[in-house]
């Protein structure tokens, strides 16, 4: 599916207004998409971020990062609900 971005958390890689192609992969294991930009739901709220996985205190946590350094990473542990809906594969359109 295609998704039009509205926020700037992925700048400079992706910009508000860009349209990206998302490969639909509901509930894919975060380990399998590390470093990729993914369309996610965090506690029911949509976001587009890079996914990474880390071990802390023997537990797996997922870290969602924007490419824009002004945004803090989002740490996903057992207190949050994370659903990865798909992986961004292509920038389809950008207004010039």
Protein backbone atom coordinates (compact mmCIF):
# COMPACT_ATOMS: atom_id res chain seq x y z
CA UNK A 1 0.00 0.00 0.00
CA UNK A 2 1.02 3.65 -0.35
CA UNK A 3 1.33 6.07 2.52
CA UNK A 4 1.60 9.87 2.45
CA UNK A 5 3.83 11.25 5.21
CA UNK A 6 2.59 14.11 7.34
CA UNK A 7 5.34 14.61 9.95
CA UNK A 8 9.06 15.33 9.78
CA UNK A 9 10.50 12.67 12.09
CA UNK A 10 12.15 10.88 9.14
CA UNK A 11 13.82 13.98 7.64
CA UNK A 12 16.12 14.29 5.77
CA UNK A 13 15.48 10.80 4.34
CA UNK A 14 11.73 11.25 3.94
CA UNK A 15 9.83 14.53 4.03
CA UNK A 16 6.26 15.55 4.84
CA UNK A 17 4.16 15.07 1.71
CA UNK A 18 6.29 12.20 0.37
CA UNK A 19 4.44 9.11 -0.76
CA UNK A 20 6.11 5.79 0.07
CA UNK A 21 5.34 2.23 -0.93
CA UNK A 22 4.90 -0.06 2.08
CA UNK A 23 5.26 -3.82 1.77
CA UNK A 24 2.42 -5.13 3.95
CA UNK A 25 3.92 -7.49 6.55
CA UNK A 26 1.58 -7.54 9.53
CA UNK A 27 3.17 -8.62 12.80
CA UNK A 28 6.61 -9.31 11.27
CA UNK A 29 9.25 -10.07 13.93
CA UNK A 30 11.19 -6.83 14.61
CA UNK A 31 14.46 -8.79 14.49
CA UNK A 32 13.84 -9.49 10.80
CA UNK A 33 13.45 -5.80 9.85
CA UNK A 34 16.25 -4.19 11.88
CA UNK A 35 17.49 -0.98 10.31
CA UNK A 36 14.49 -0.75 8.00
CA UNK A 37 11.89 2.01 8.00
CA UNK A 38 8.58 0.49 9.08
CA UNK A 39 4.98 1.57 9.41
CA UNK A 40 4.09 0.79 13.01
CA UNK A 41 1.29 1.14 15.51
CA UNK A 42 2.47 2.00 19.03
CA UNK A 43 -0.37 1.73 21.53
CA UNK A 44 -2.72 2.23 18.57
CA UNK A 45 -0.97 5.38 17.26
CA UNK A 46 0.58 5.22 13.76
CA UNK A 47 4.23 6.11 13.24
CA UNK A 48 6.94 5.60 10.64
CA UNK A 49 10.35 4.82 12.15
CA UNK A 50 13.53 2.75 11.80
CA UNK A 51 13.38 -0.43 13.83
CA UNK A 52 16.17 -1.89 15.93
CA UNK A 53 16.23 -4.56 18.63
CA UNK A 54 18.37 -4.61 21.75
CA UNK A 55 18.70 -6.71 24.88
CA UNK A 56 18.37 -4.94 28.24
CA UNK A 57 18.38 -6.82 31.52
CA UNK A 58 17.93 -10.06 29.57
CA UNK A 59 14.77 -8.79 27.85
CA UNK A 60 14.30 -7.87 24.21
CA UNK A 61 13.28 -4.28 23.59
CA UNK A 62 12.48 -2.59 20.31
CA UNK A 63 13.80 0.89 19.61
CA UNK A 64 12.03 3.06 17.05
CA UNK A 65 14.13 5.93 15.72
CA UNK A 66 13.41 8.75 13.34
CA UNK A 67 16.18 10.00 11.07
CA UNK A 68 15.58 13.53 12.37
CA UNK A 69 17.88 14.02 15.39
CA UNK A 70 15.35 16.41 16.95
CA UNK A 71 13.15 13.41 17.82
CA UNK A 72 13.97 11.12 20.74
CA UNK A 73 13.91 7.34 20.13
CA UNK A 74 10.84 5.46 21.30
CA UNK A 75 11.64 2.50 23.55
CA UNK A 76 9.13 -0.33 23.27
CA UNK A 77 9.05 -2.80 26.15
CA UNK A 78 6.32 -4.99 27.62
CA UNK A 79 4.38 -1.91 28.77
CA UNK A 80 3.67 -0.86 25.16
CA UNK A 81 1.76 -2.53 22.36
CA UNK A 82 3.74 -2.62 19.08
CA UNK A 83 2.39 -3.81 15.75
CA UNK A 84 4.62 -3.57 12.69
CA UNK A 85 2.28 -3.23 9.74
CA UNK A 86 4.81 -3.09 6.93
CA UNK A 87 8.23 -2.15 5.62
CA UNK A 88 8.86 0.94 3.49
CA UNK A 89 10.44 -0.20 0.23
CA UNK A 90 10.28 2.75 -2.17
CA UNK A 91 9.88 6.49 -2.29
CA UNK A 92 7.09 6.79 -4.84
CA UNK A 93 6.58 10.53 -5.11
CA UNK A 94 8.00 13.80 -3.80
CA UNK A 95 6.70 17.29 -4.56
CA UNK A 96 9.44 19.58 -5.85
